[in-house]
């Protein structure tokens, strides 16, 4: 079984093999109990998005860490590879800009009262 750091290294290496763009790794361990890291990368075409997801999945399977699921391969605009404690998002640039996952997951969450208190 790979450590999270080994898994991240394998994912990033696989993404770099197929020329993914703008690869970011986010530590989500304090924000989600579902996974500890999120990897976000961009691809130049739906075909490349699908190829990247397939390559990540195959490289991790070779290391004994098969993907739990892969979603979004049909359209190729946004493919998610679920590796358990690591979730990989491979997106077209326009989709990535629209959803802004990096900003969403880096937001400071305020207690409900503080968030609703106008100052």
PDB file of N, CA and C in Angstrom:
ATOM      1  N   UNK A   1       0.838  -1.179   0.000  1.00  0.00           N
ATOM      2  CA  UNK A   1       0.000   0.000   0.000  1.00  0.00           C
ATOM      3  C   UNK A   1       0.885   1.245   0.000  1.00  0.00           C
ATOM      4  N   UNK A   2       0.565   2.180  -0.883  1.00  0.00           N
ATOM      5  CA  UNK A   2       1.349   3.404  -1.010  1.00  0.00           C
ATOM      6  C   UNK A   2       0.960   4.417   0.062  1.00  0.00           C
ATOM      7  N   UNK A   3       1.933   5.214   0.488  1.00  0.00           N
ATOM      8  CA  UNK A   3       1.611   6.341   1.356  1.00  0.00           C
ATOM      9  C   UNK A   3       0.946   7.417   0.496  1.00  0.00           C
ATOM     10  N   UNK A   4       0.357   8.401   1.141  1.00  0.00           N
ATOM     11  CA  UNK A   4      -0.271   9.488   0.384  1.00  0.00           C
ATOM     12  C   UNK A   4       0.772  10.209  -0.457  1.00  0.00           C
ATOM     13  N   UNK A   5       1.954  10.429   0.098  1.00  0.00           N
ATOM     14  CA  UNK A   5       3.012  11.126  -0.650  1.00  0.00           C
ATOM     15  C   UNK A   5       3.429  10.332  -1.889  1.00  0.00           C
ATOM     16  N   UNK A   6       3.533   9.011  -1.752  1.00  0.00           N
ATOM     17  CA  UNK A   6       3.884   8.162  -2.892  1.00  0.00           C
ATOM     18  C   UNK A   6       2.768   8.179  -3.944  1.00  0.00           C
ATOM     19  N   UNK A   7       1.531   8.188  -3.477  1.00  0.00           N
ATOM     20  CA  UNK A   7       0.388   8.242  -4.397  1.00  0.00           C
ATOM     21  C   UNK A   7       0.385   9.556  -5.172  1.00  0.00           C
ATOM     22  N   UNK A   8       0.608  10.660  -4.453  1.00  0.00           N
ATOM     23  CA  UNK A   8       0.651  11.977  -5.103  1.00  0.00           C
ATOM     24  C   UNK A   8       1.774  12.020  -6.125  1.00  0.00           C
ATOM     25  N   UNK A   9       2.941  11.529  -5.770  1.00  0.00           N
ATOM     26  CA  UNK A   9       4.075  11.517  -6.701  1.00  0.00           C
ATOM     27  C   UNK A   9       3.739  10.702  -7.948  1.00  0.00           C
ATOM     28  N   UNK A  10       3.097   9.546  -7.767  1.00  0.00           N
ATOM     29  CA  UNK A  10       2.718   8.707  -8.912  1.00  0.00           C
ATOM     30  C   UNK A  10       1.685   9.415  -9.784  1.00  0.00           C
ATOM     31  N   UNK A  11       0.724  10.096  -9.166  1.00  0.00           N
ATOM     32  CA  UNK A  11      -0.305  10.815  -9.921  1.00  0.00           C
ATOM     33  C   UNK A  11       0.319  11.958 -10.714  1.00  0.00           C
ATOM     34  N   UNK A  12       1.133  12.768 -10.054  1.00  0.00           N
ATOM     35  CA  UNK A  12       1.748  13.923 -10.726  1.00  0.00           C
ATOM     36  C   UNK A  12       2.665  13.454 -11.853  1.00  0.00           C
ATOM     37  N   UNK A  13       3.425  12.405 -11.623  1.00  0.00           N
ATOM     38  CA  UNK A  13       4.298  11.865 -12.673  1.00  0.00           C
ATOM     39  C   UNK A  13       3.478  11.390 -13.866  1.00  0.00           C
ATOM     40  N   UNK A  14       2.379  10.695 -13.600  1.00  0.00           N
ATOM     41  CA  UNK A  14       1.512  10.213 -14.683  1.00  0.00           C
ATOM     42  C   UNK A  14       0.917  11.385 -15.456  1.00  0.00           C
ATOM     43  N   UNK A  15       0.509  12.433 -14.750  1.00  0.00           N
ATOM     44  CA  UNK A  15      -0.037  13.616 -15.420  1.00  0.00           C
ATOM     45  C   UNK A  15       1.030  14.303 -16.276  1.00  0.00           C
ATOM     46  N   UNK A  16       2.233  14.393 -15.759  1.00  0.00           N
ATOM     47  CA  UNK A  16       3.322  15.019 -16.513  1.00  0.00           C
ATOM     48  C   UNK A  16       3.699  14.190 -17.744  1.00  0.00           C
ATOM     49  N   UNK A  17       3.583  12.856 -17.650  1.00  0.00           N
ATOM     50  CA  UNK A  17       3.887  11.971 -18.784  1.00  0.00           C
ATOM     51  C   UNK A  17       3.062  12.329 -20.013  1.00  0.00           C
ATOM     52  N   UNK A  18       1.801  12.716 -19.807  1.00  0.00           N
ATOM     53  CA  UNK A  18       0.883  13.005 -20.914  1.00  0.00           C
ATOM     54  C   UNK A  18       0.693  14.518 -21.070  1.00  0.00           C
ATOM     55  N   UNK A  19       1.611  15.282 -20.500  1.00  0.00           N
ATOM     56  CA  UNK A  19       1.666  16.753 -20.692  1.00  0.00           C
ATOM     57  C   UNK A  19       0.460  17.508 -20.154  1.00  0.00           C
ATOM     58  N   UNK A  20       0.012  17.147 -18.956  1.00  0.00           N
ATOM     59  CA  UNK A  20      -1.046  17.929 -18.304  1.00  0.00           C
ATOM     60  C   UNK A  20      -0.501  19.321 -17.995  1.00  0.00           C
ATOM     61  N   UNK A  21      -1.387  20.282 -17.921  1.00  0.00           N
ATOM     62  CA  UNK A  21      -1.009  21.669 -17.620  1.00  0.00           C
ATOM     63  C   UNK A  21      -1.455  22.046 -16.219  1.00  0.00           C
ATOM     64  N   UNK A  22      -0.736  22.995 -15.629  1.00  0.00           N
ATOM     65  CA  UNK A  22      -1.151  23.654 -14.384  1.00  0.00           C
ATOM     66  C   UNK A  22      -1.593  22.650 -13.318  1.00  0.00           C
ATOM     67  N   UNK A  23      -0.693  21.769 -12.931  1.00  0.00           N
ATOM     68  CA  UNK A  23      -0.991  20.735 -11.938  1.00  0.00           C
ATOM     69  C   UNK A  23      -0.874  21.345 -10.541  1.00  0.00           C
ATOM     70  N   UNK A  24      -1.934  21.207  -9.746  1.00  0.00           N
ATOM     71  CA  UNK A  24      -1.939  21.691  -8.366  1.00  0.00           C
ATOM     72  C   UNK A  24      -2.348  20.568  -7.432  1.00  0.00           C
ATOM     73  N   UNK A  25      -1.703  20.516  -6.277  1.00  0.00           N
ATOM     74  CA  UNK A  25      -2.048  19.547  -5.244  1.00  0.00           C
ATOM     75  C   UNK A  25      -2.536  20.328  -4.031  1.00  0.00           C
ATOM     76  N   UNK A  26      -3.744  20.009  -3.569  1.00  0.00           N
ATOM     77  CA  UNK A  26      -4.323  20.684  -2.407  1.00  0.00           C
ATOM     78  C   UNK A  26      -4.427  19.715  -1.236  1.00  0.00           C
ATOM     79  N   UNK A  27      -4.059  20.176  -0.068  1.00  0.00           N
ATOM     80  CA  UNK A  27      -4.223  19.392   1.151  1.00  0.00           C
ATOM     81  C   UNK A  27      -5.635  19.660   1.664  1.00  0.00           C
ATOM     82  N   UNK A  28      -6.485  18.671   1.582  1.00  0.00           N
ATOM     83  CA  UNK A  28      -7.880  18.821   2.005  1.00  0.00           C
ATOM     84  C   UNK A  28      -8.157  18.055   3.295  1.00  0.00           C
ATOM     85  N   UNK A  29      -7.119  17.594   3.966  1.00  0.00           N
ATOM     86  CA  UNK A  29      -7.288  16.736   5.143  1.00  0.00           C
ATOM     87  C   UNK A  29      -8.060  17.406   6.277  1.00  0.00           C
ATOM     88  N   UNK A  30      -7.969  18.713   6.385  1.00  0.00           N
ATOM     89  CA  UNK A  30      -8.677  19.419   7.449  1.00  0.00           C
ATOM     90  C   UNK A  30     -10.062  19.899   7.002  1.00  0.00           C
ATOM     91  N   UNK A  31     -10.393  19.692   5.727  1.00  0.00           N
ATOM     92  CA  UNK A  31     -11.668  20.193   5.196  1.00  0.00           C
ATOM     93  C   UNK A  31     -12.633  19.093   4.792  1.00  0.00           C
ATOM     94  N   UNK A  32     -12.136  17.874   4.702  1.00  0.00           N
ATOM     95  CA  UNK A  32     -12.992  16.772   4.271  1.00  0.00           C
ATOM     96  C   UNK A  32     -12.548  15.488   4.948  1.00  0.00           C
ATOM     97  N   UNK A  33     -13.503  14.699   5.363  1.00  0.00           N
ATOM     98  CA  UNK A  33     -13.198  13.380   5.901  1.00  0.00           C
ATOM     99  C   UNK A  33     -13.198  12.321   4.798  1.00  0.00           C
ATOM    100  N   UNK A  34     -13.576  12.722   3.595  1.00  0.00           N
ATOM    101  CA  UNK A  34     -13.684  11.778   2.490  1.00  0.00           C
ATOM    102  C   UNK A  34     -12.352  11.520   1.801  1.00  0.00           C
ATOM    103  N   UNK A  35     -11.495  12.529   1.732  1.00  0.00           N
ATOM    104  CA  UNK A  35     -10.198  12.395   1.081  1.00  0.00           C
ATOM    105  C   UNK A  35      -9.233  13.402   1.677  1.00  0.00           C
ATOM    106  N   UNK A  36      -7.922  13.120   1.515  1.00  0.00           N
ATOM    107  CA  UNK A  36      -6.910  13.967   2.140  1.00  0.00           C
ATOM    108  C   UNK A  36      -6.196  14.905   1.169  1.00  0.00           C
ATOM    109  N   UNK A  37      -6.169  14.542  -0.100  1.00  0.00           N
ATOM    110  CA  UNK A  37      -5.515  15.386  -1.094  1.00  0.00           C
ATOM    111  C   UNK A  37      -6.372  15.460  -2.343  1.00  0.00           C
ATOM    112  N   UNK A  38      -6.275  16.595  -3.018  1.00  0.00           N
ATOM    113  CA  UNK A  38      -6.947  16.785  -4.291  1.00  0.00           C
ATOM    114  C   UNK A  38      -5.884  17.239  -5.284  1.00  0.00           C
ATOM    115  N   UNK A  39      -5.852  16.594  -6.431  1.00  0.00           N
ATOM    116  CA  UNK A  39      -4.950  16.987  -7.506  1.00  0.00           C
ATOM    117  C   UNK A  39      -5.824  17.532  -8.630  1.00  0.00           C
ATOM    118  N   UNK A  40      -5.475  18.727  -9.108  1.00  0.00           N
ATOM    119  CA  UNK A  40      -6.240  19.359 -10.183  1.00  0.00           C
ATOM    120  C   UNK A  40      -5.273  19.649 -11.322  1.00  0.00           C
ATOM    121  N   UNK A  41      -5.675  19.277 -12.531  1.00  0.00           N
ATOM    122  CA  UNK A  41      -4.833  19.508 -13.710  1.00  0.00           C
ATOM    123  C   UNK A  41      -5.711  19.874 -14.898  1.00  0.00           C
ATOM    124  N   UNK A  42      -5.111  20.556 -15.862  1.00  0.00           N
ATOM    125  CA  UNK A  42      -5.825  20.921 -17.085  1.00  0.00           C
ATOM    126  C   UNK A  42      -5.295  20.124 -18.263  1.00  0.00           C
ATOM    127  N   UNK A  43      -6.177  19.940 -19.244  1.00  0.00           N
ATOM    128  CA  UNK A  43      -5.819  19.253 -20.485  1.00  0.00           C
ATOM    129  C   UNK A  43      -6.280  20.114 -21.656  1.00  0.00           C
ATOM    130  N   UNK A  44      -5.647  19.921 -22.809  1.00  0.00           N
ATOM    131  CA  UNK A  44      -5.921  20.759 -23.978  1.00  0.00           C
ATOM    132  C   UNK A  44      -7.118  20.326 -24.808  1.00  0.00           C
ATOM    133  N   UNK A  45      -7.602  19.101 -24.593  1.00  0.00           N
ATOM    134  CA  UNK A  45      -8.721  18.599 -25.399  1.00  0.00           C
ATOM    135  C   UNK A  45      -9.432  17.497 -24.616  1.00  0.00           C
ATOM    136  N   UNK A  46     -10.674  17.186 -24.996  1.00  0.00           N
ATOM    137  CA  UNK A  46     -11.360  16.069 -24.337  1.00  0.00           C
ATOM    138  C   UNK A  46     -10.587  14.756 -24.489  1.00  0.00           C
ATOM    139  N   UNK A  47      -9.965  14.573 -25.615  1.00  0.00           N
ATOM    140  CA  UNK A  47      -9.179  13.349 -25.830  1.00  0.00           C
ATOM    141  C   UNK A  47      -8.011  13.270 -24.841  1.00  0.00           C
ATOM    142  N   UNK A  48      -7.320  14.401 -24.634  1.00  0.00           N
ATOM    143  CA  UNK A  48      -6.204  14.412 -23.691  1.00  0.00           C
ATOM    144  C   UNK A  48      -6.719  14.225 -22.257  1.00  0.00           C
ATOM    145  N   UNK A  49      -7.859  14.805 -21.934  1.00  0.00           N
ATOM    146  CA  UNK A  49      -8.437  14.648 -20.602  1.00  0.00           C
ATOM    147  C   UNK A  49      -8.679  13.171 -20.305  1.00  0.00           C
ATOM    148  N   UNK A  50      -9.284  12.477 -21.251  1.00  0.00           N
ATOM    149  CA  UNK A  50      -9.540  11.042 -21.078  1.00  0.00           C
ATOM    150  C   UNK A  50      -8.234  10.252 -21.016  1.00  0.00           C
ATOM    151  N   UNK A  51      -7.256  10.608 -21.849  1.00  0.00           N
ATOM    152  CA  UNK A  51      -5.965   9.913 -21.852  1.00  0.00           C
ATOM    153  C   UNK A  51      -5.238  10.101 -20.517  1.00  0.00           C
ATOM    154  N   UNK A  52      -5.307  11.295 -19.972  1.00  0.00           N
ATOM    155  CA  UNK A  52      -4.671  11.561 -18.679  1.00  0.00           C
ATOM    156  C   UNK A  52      -5.313  10.721 -17.578  1.00  0.00           C
ATOM    157  N   UNK A  53      -6.635  10.695 -17.539  1.00  0.00           N
ATOM    158  CA  UNK A  53      -7.334   9.911 -16.517  1.00  0.00           C
ATOM    159  C   UNK A  53      -6.998   8.425 -16.649  1.00  0.00           C
ATOM    160  N   UNK A  54      -6.972   7.933 -17.869  1.00  0.00           N
ATOM    161  CA  UNK A  54      -6.640   6.530 -18.118  1.00  0.00           C
ATOM    162  C   UNK A  54      -5.212   6.222 -17.677  1.00  0.00           C
ATOM    163  N   UNK A  55      -4.287   7.127 -17.998  1.00  0.00           N
ATOM    164  CA  UNK A  55      -2.881   6.915 -17.637  1.00  0.00           C
ATOM    165  C   UNK A  55      -2.690   6.944 -16.121  1.00  0.00           C
ATOM    166  N   UNK A  56      -3.332   7.888 -15.443  1.00  0.00           N
ATOM    167  CA  UNK A  56      -3.258   7.944 -13.976  1.00  0.00           C
ATOM    168  C   UNK A  56      -3.785   6.635 -13.393  1.00  0.00           C
ATOM    169  N   UNK A  57      -4.933   6.202 -13.866  1.00  0.00           N
ATOM    170  CA  UNK A  57      -5.547   4.975 -13.373  1.00  0.00           C
ATOM    171  C   UNK A  57      -4.626   3.765 -13.584  1.00  0.00           C
ATOM    172  N   UNK A  58      -4.057   3.649 -14.767  1.00  0.00           N
ATOM    173  CA  UNK A  58      -3.175   2.512 -15.064  1.00  0.00           C
ATOM    174  C   UNK A  58      -1.894   2.546 -14.238  1.00  0.00           C
ATOM    175  N   UNK A  59      -1.309   3.730 -14.080  1.00  0.00           N
ATOM    176  CA  UNK A  59      -0.065   3.842 -13.311  1.00  0.00           C
ATOM    177  C   UNK A  59      -0.274   3.498 -11.836  1.00  0.00           C
ATOM    178  N   UNK A  60      -1.402   3.903 -11.290  1.00  0.00           N
ATOM    179  CA  UNK A  60      -1.683   3.587  -9.889  1.00  0.00           C
ATOM    180  C   UNK A  60      -2.031   2.114  -9.721  1.00  0.00           C
ATOM    181  N   UNK A  61      -2.719   1.555 -10.695  1.00  0.00           N
ATOM    182  CA  UNK A  61      -3.046   0.123 -10.638  1.00  0.00           C
ATOM    183  C   UNK A  61      -1.769  -0.716 -10.658  1.00  0.00           C
ATOM    184  N   UNK A  62      -0.788  -0.300 -11.468  1.00  0.00           N
ATOM    185  CA  UNK A  62       0.503  -0.994 -11.507  1.00  0.00           C
ATOM    186  C   UNK A  62       1.200  -0.981 -10.152  1.00  0.00           C
ATOM    187  N   UNK A  63       0.904   0.020  -9.349  1.00  0.00           N
ATOM    188  CA  UNK A  63       1.507   0.148  -8.022  1.00  0.00           C
ATOM    189  C   UNK A  63       0.619  -0.446  -6.922  1.00  0.00           C
ATOM    190  N   UNK A  64      -0.423  -1.171  -7.338  1.00  0.00           N
ATOM    191  CA  UNK A  64      -1.293  -1.830  -6.376  1.00  0.00           C
ATOM    192  C   UNK A  64      -2.378  -0.949  -5.795  1.00  0.00           C
ATOM    193  N   UNK A  65      -2.659   0.174  -6.437  1.00  0.00           N
ATOM    194  CA  UNK A  65      -3.675   1.119  -5.959  1.00  0.00           C
ATOM    195  C   UNK A  65      -4.692   1.400  -7.069  1.00  0.00           C
ATOM    196  N   UNK A  66      -5.591   0.466  -7.339  1.00  0.00           N
ATOM    197  CA  UNK A  66      -6.567   0.690  -8.411  1.00  0.00           C
ATOM    198  C   UNK A  66      -7.540   1.814  -8.057  1.00  0.00           C
ATOM    199  N   UNK A  67      -8.008   2.513  -9.068  1.00  0.00           N
ATOM    200  CA  UNK A  67      -8.992   3.585  -8.873  1.00  0.00           C
ATOM    201  C   UNK A  67     -10.303   2.986  -8.367  1.00  0.00           C
ATOM    202  N   UNK A  68     -10.927   3.681  -7.434  1.00  0.00           N
ATOM    203  CA  UNK A  68     -12.229   3.242  -6.936  1.00  0.00           C
ATOM    204  C   UNK A  68     -13.307   3.527  -7.973  1.00  0.00           C
ATOM    205  N   UNK A  69     -13.166   4.662  -8.674  1.00  0.00           N
ATOM    206  CA  UNK A  69     -14.090   4.987  -9.762  1.00  0.00           C
ATOM    207  C   UNK A  69     -13.488   6.084 -10.632  1.00  0.00           C
ATOM    208  N   UNK A  70     -14.009   6.157 -11.846  1.00  0.00           N
ATOM    209  CA  UNK A  70     -13.637   7.209 -12.793  1.00  0.00           C
ATOM    210  C   UNK A  70     -14.939   7.752 -13.354  1.00  0.00           C
ATOM    211  N   UNK A  71     -15.124   9.056 -13.253  1.00  0.00           N
ATOM    212  CA  UNK A  71     -16.370   9.693 -13.692  1.00  0.00           C
ATOM    213  C   UNK A  71     -16.076  10.757 -14.744  1.00  0.00           C
ATOM    214  N   UNK A  72     -16.975  10.910 -15.714  1.00  0.00           N
ATOM    215  CA  UNK A  72     -16.889  11.993 -16.685  1.00  0.00           C
ATOM    216  C   UNK A  72     -16.163  11.683 -17.974  1.00  0.00           C
ATOM    217  N   UNK A  73     -15.810  10.436 -18.194  1.00  0.00           N
ATOM    218  CA  UNK A  73     -15.067  10.088 -19.413  1.00  0.00           C
ATOM    219  C   UNK A  73     -15.884  10.292 -20.687  1.00  0.00           C
ATOM    220  N   UNK A  74     -17.198  10.242 -20.567  1.00  0.00           N
ATOM    221  CA  UNK A  74     -18.042  10.382 -21.754  1.00  0.00           C
ATOM    222  C   UNK A  74     -17.818  11.723 -22.439  1.00  0.00           C
ATOM    223  N   UNK A  75     -17.894  12.802 -21.674  1.00  0.00           N
ATOM    224  CA  UNK A  75     -17.738  14.134 -22.282  1.00  0.00           C
ATOM    225  C   UNK A  75     -16.279  14.529 -22.416  1.00  0.00           C
ATOM    226  N   UNK A  76     -15.474  14.132 -21.457  1.00  0.00           N
ATOM    227  CA  UNK A  76     -14.059  14.486 -21.492  1.00  0.00           C
ATOM    228  C   UNK A  76     -13.765  15.921 -21.084  1.00  0.00           C
ATOM    229  N   UNK A  77     -14.772  16.656 -20.643  1.00  0.00           N
ATOM    230  CA  UNK A  77     -14.541  18.034 -20.214  1.00  0.00           C
ATOM    231  C   UNK A  77     -14.007  18.091 -18.792  1.00  0.00           C
ATOM    232  N   UNK A  78     -14.442  17.139 -17.959  1.00  0.00           N
ATOM    233  CA  UNK A  78     -14.009  17.070 -16.568  1.00  0.00           C
ATOM    234  C   UNK A  78     -14.058  15.603 -16.175  1.00  0.00           C
ATOM    235  N   UNK A  79     -12.896  15.023 -15.932  1.00  0.00           N
ATOM    236  CA  UNK A  79     -12.832  13.625 -15.528  1.00  0.00           C
ATOM    237  C   UNK A  79     -12.286  13.570 -14.104  1.00  0.00           C
ATOM    238  N   UNK A  80     -12.975  12.829 -13.256  1.00  0.00           N
ATOM    239  CA  UNK A  80     -12.578  12.661 -11.872  1.00  0.00           C
ATOM    240  C   UNK A  80     -12.098  11.234 -11.669  1.00  0.00           C
ATOM    241  N   UNK A  81     -10.918  11.080 -11.078  1.00  0.00           N
ATOM    242  CA  UNK A  81     -10.379   9.764 -10.751  1.00  0.00           C
ATOM    243  C   UNK A  81     -10.328   9.682  -9.227  1.00  0.00           C
ATOM    244  N   UNK A  82     -11.111   8.762  -8.663  1.00  0.00           N
ATOM    245  CA  UNK A  82     -11.184   8.584  -7.216  1.00  0.00           C
ATOM    246  C   UNK A  82     -10.207   7.485  -6.807  1.00  0.00           C
ATOM    247  N   UNK A  83      -9.179   7.891  -6.063  1.00  0.00           N
ATOM    248  CA  UNK A  83      -8.165   6.954  -5.580  1.00  0.00           C
ATOM    249  C   UNK A  83      -8.237   6.792  -4.061  1.00  0.00           C
ATOM    250  N   UNK A  84      -9.406   6.999  -3.514  1.00  0.00           N
ATOM    251  CA  UNK A  84      -9.564   6.896  -2.068  1.00  0.00           C
ATOM    252  C   UNK A  84      -9.179   8.193  -1.393  1.00  0.00           C
ATOM    253  N   UNK A  85      -8.026   8.209  -0.718  1.00  0.00           N
ATOM    254  CA  UNK A  85      -7.623   9.432  -0.027  1.00  0.00           C
ATOM    255  C   UNK A  85      -7.089  10.513  -0.958  1.00  0.00           C
ATOM    256  N   UNK A  86      -6.977  10.207  -2.238  1.00  0.00           N
ATOM    257  CA  UNK A  86      -6.563  11.188  -3.250  1.00  0.00           C
ATOM    258  C   UNK A  86      -7.617  11.215  -4.356  1.00  0.00           C
ATOM    259  N   UNK A  87      -8.089  12.418  -4.668  1.00  0.00           N
ATOM    260  CA  UNK A  87      -9.058  12.601  -5.755  1.00  0.00           C
ATOM    261  C   UNK A  87      -8.390  13.465  -6.819  1.00  0.00           C
ATOM    262  N   UNK A  88      -8.464  13.010  -8.066  1.00  0.00           N
ATOM    263  CA  UNK A  88      -7.818  13.708  -9.182  1.00  0.00           C
ATOM    264  C   UNK A  88      -8.888  14.292 -10.094  1.00  0.00           C
ATOM    265  N   UNK A  89      -8.802  15.600 -10.343  1.00  0.00           N
ATOM    266  CA  UNK A  89      -9.711  16.293 -11.261  1.00  0.00           C
ATOM    267  C   UNK A  89      -8.895  16.706 -12.480  1.00  0.00           C
ATOM    268  N   UNK A  90      -9.299  16.249 -13.660  1.00  0.00           N
ATOM    269  CA  UNK A  90      -8.643  16.635 -14.907  1.00  0.00           C
ATOM    270  C   UNK A  90      -9.690  17.367 -15.723  1.00  0.00           C
ATOM    271  N   UNK A  91      -9.414  18.638 -16.024  1.00  0.00           N
ATOM    272  CA  UNK A  91     -10.455  19.501 -16.575  1.00  0.00           C
ATOM    273  C   UNK A  91      -9.969  20.274 -17.796  1.00  0.00           C
ATOM    274  N   UNK A  92     -10.930  20.609 -18.647  1.00  0.00           N
ATOM    275  CA  UNK A  92     -10.672  21.555 -19.717  1.00  0.00           C
ATOM    276  C   UNK A  92     -10.510  22.935 -19.069  1.00  0.00           C
ATOM    277  N   UNK A  93      -9.670  23.814 -19.626  1.00  0.00           N
ATOM    278  CA  UNK A  93      -9.427  25.124 -19.008  1.00  0.00           C
ATOM    279  C   UNK A  93     -10.693  25.939 -18.731  1.00  0.00           C
ATOM    280  N   UNK A  94     -11.657  25.949 -19.641  1.00  0.00           N
ATOM    281  CA  UNK A  94     -12.877  26.731 -19.428  1.00  0.00           C
ATOM    282  C   UNK A  94     -13.686  26.184 -18.253  1.00  0.00           C
ATOM    283  N   UNK A  95     -13.759  24.879 -18.134  1.00  0.00           N
ATOM    284  CA  UNK A  95     -14.486  24.250 -17.029  1.00  0.00           C
ATOM    285  C   UNK A  95     -13.763  24.536 -15.711  1.00  0.00           C
ATOM    286  N   UNK A  96     -12.462  24.439 -15.744  1.00  0.00           N
ATOM    287  CA  UNK A  96     -11.665  24.711 -14.539  1.00  0.00           C
ATOM    288  C   UNK A  96     -11.826  26.166 -14.092  1.00  0.00           C
ATOM    289  N   UNK A  97     -11.805  27.070 -15.029  1.00  0.00           N
ATOM    290  CA  UNK A  97     -11.974  28.491 -14.697  1.00  0.00           C
ATOM    291  C   UNK A  97     -13.367  28.750 -14.138  1.00  0.00           C
ATOM    292  N   UNK A  98     -14.363  28.070 -14.667  1.00  0.00           N
ATOM    293  CA  UNK A  98     -15.742  28.266 -14.217  1.00  0.00           C
ATOM    294  C   UNK A  98     -15.943  27.768 -12.780  1.00  0.00           C
ATOM    295  N   UNK A  99     -15.481  26.555 -12.491  1.00  0.00           N
ATOM    296  CA  UNK A  99     -15.730  25.962 -11.175  1.00  0.00           C
ATOM    297  C   UNK A  99     -14.736  26.401 -10.101  1.00  0.00           C
ATOM    298  N   UNK A 100     -13.546  26.826 -10.476  1.00  0.00           N
ATOM    299  CA  UNK A 100     -12.552  27.369  -9.554  1.00  0.00           C
ATOM    300  C   UNK A 100     -12.389  26.517  -8.291  1.00  0.00           C
ATOM    301  N   UNK A 101     -12.101  25.240  -8.470  1.00  0.00           N
ATOM    302  CA  UNK A 101     -11.977  24.333  -7.332  1.00  0.00           C
ATOM    303  C   UNK A 101     -10.886  24.755  -6.352  1.00  0.00           C
ATOM    304  N   UNK A 102      -9.785  25.282  -6.862  1.00  0.00           N
ATOM    305  CA  UNK A 102      -8.717  25.712  -5.967  1.00  0.00           C
ATOM    306  C   UNK A 102      -9.215  26.778  -4.996  1.00  0.00           C
ATOM    307  N   UNK A 103      -9.971  27.738  -5.511  1.00  0.00           N
ATOM    308  CA  UNK A 103     -10.504  28.783  -4.639  1.00  0.00           C
ATOM    309  C   UNK A 103     -11.565  28.229  -3.700  1.00  0.00           C
ATOM    310  N   UNK A 104     -12.408  27.373  -4.202  1.00  0.00           N
ATOM    311  CA  UNK A 104     -13.470  26.789  -3.385  1.00  0.00           C
ATOM    312  C   UNK A 104     -12.887  26.022  -2.200  1.00  0.00           C
ATOM    313  N   UNK A 105     -11.876  25.212  -2.450  1.00  0.00           N
ATOM    314  CA  UNK A 105     -11.306  24.382  -1.391  1.00  0.00           C
ATOM    315  C   UNK A 105     -10.320  25.126  -0.499  1.00  0.00           C
ATOM    316  N   UNK A 106      -9.914  26.318  -0.890  1.00  0.00           N
ATOM    317  CA  UNK A 106      -9.007  27.079  -0.029  1.00  0.00           C
ATOM    318  C   UNK A 106      -9.757  28.134   0.773  1.00  0.00           C
ATOM    319  N   UNK A 107     -11.084  28.242   0.576  1.00  0.00           N
ATOM    320  CA  UNK A 107     -11.884  29.222   1.303  1.00  0.00           C
ATOM    321  C   UNK A 107     -11.823  28.967   2.795  1.00  0.00           C
ATOM    322  N   UNK A 108     -11.752  30.031   3.537  1.00  0.00           N
ATOM    323  CA  UNK A 108     -11.819  29.923   4.987  1.00  0.00           C
ATOM    324  C   UNK A 108     -13.296  29.827   5.356  1.00  0.00           C
ATOM    325  N   UNK A 109     -13.650  28.781   6.041  1.00  0.00           N
ATOM    326  CA  UNK A 109     -15.046  28.591   6.416  1.00  0.00           C
ATOM    327  C   UNK A 109     -15.303  29.271   7.759  1.00  0.00           C
ATOM    328  N   UNK A 110     -16.280  30.144   7.780  1.00  0.00           N
ATOM    329  CA  UNK A 110     -16.637  30.866   8.991  1.00  0.00           C
ATOM    330  C   UNK A 110     -17.759  30.144   9.717  1.00  0.00           C
ATOM    331  N   UNK A 111     -17.837  30.299  11.039  1.00  0.00           N
ATOM    332  CA  UNK A 111     -18.986  29.731  11.743  1.00  0.00           C
ATOM    333  C   UNK A 111     -20.274  30.347  11.194  1.00  0.00           C
ATOM    334  N   UNK A 112     -21.391  29.629  11.219  1.00  0.00           N
ATOM    335  CA  UNK A 112     -22.633  30.128  10.619  1.00  0.00           C
ATOM    336  C   UNK A 112     -23.012  31.536  11.100  1.00  0.00           C
ATOM    337  N   UNK A 113     -22.882  31.831  12.377  1.00  0.00           N
ATOM    338  CA  UNK A 113     -23.252  33.152  12.889  1.00  0.00           C
ATOM    339  C   UNK A 113     -22.369  34.241  12.280  1.00  0.00           C
ATOM    340  N   UNK A 114     -21.059  34.003  12.221  1.00  0.00           N
ATOM    341  CA  UNK A 114     -20.131  34.998  11.665  1.00  0.00           C
ATOM    342  C   UNK A 114     -20.388  35.212  10.170  1.00  0.00           C
ATOM    343  N   UNK A 115     -20.768  34.150   9.476  1.00  0.00           N
ATOM    344  CA  UNK A 115     -21.014  34.266   8.031  1.00  0.00           C
ATOM    345  C   UNK A 115     -22.267  35.049   7.737  1.00  0.00           C
ATOM    346  N   UNK A 116     -23.244  35.036   8.660  1.00  0.00           N
ATOM    347  CA  UNK A 116     -24.506  35.735   8.392  1.00  0.00           C
ATOM    348  C   UNK A 116     -24.580  37.111   9.055  1.00  0.00           C
ATOM    349  N   UNK A 117     -23.579  37.451   9.873  1.00  0.00           N
ATOM    350  CA  UNK A 117     -23.557  38.743  10.545  1.00  0.00           C
ATOM    351  C   UNK A 117     -23.048  39.847   9.632  1.00  0.00           C
ATOM    352  N   UNK A 118     -23.924  40.768   9.186  1.00  0.00           N
ATOM    353  CA  UNK A 118     -23.408  41.881   8.388  1.00  0.00           C
ATOM    354  C   UNK A 118     -22.691  42.868   9.298  1.00  0.00           C
ATOM    355  N   UNK A 119     -21.570  43.376   8.834  1.00  0.00           N
ATOM    356  CA  UNK A 119     -20.797  44.313   9.648  1.00  0.00           C
ATOM    357  C   UNK A 119     -20.727  45.650   9.022  1.00  0.00           C
TER     358      UNK A 119
END
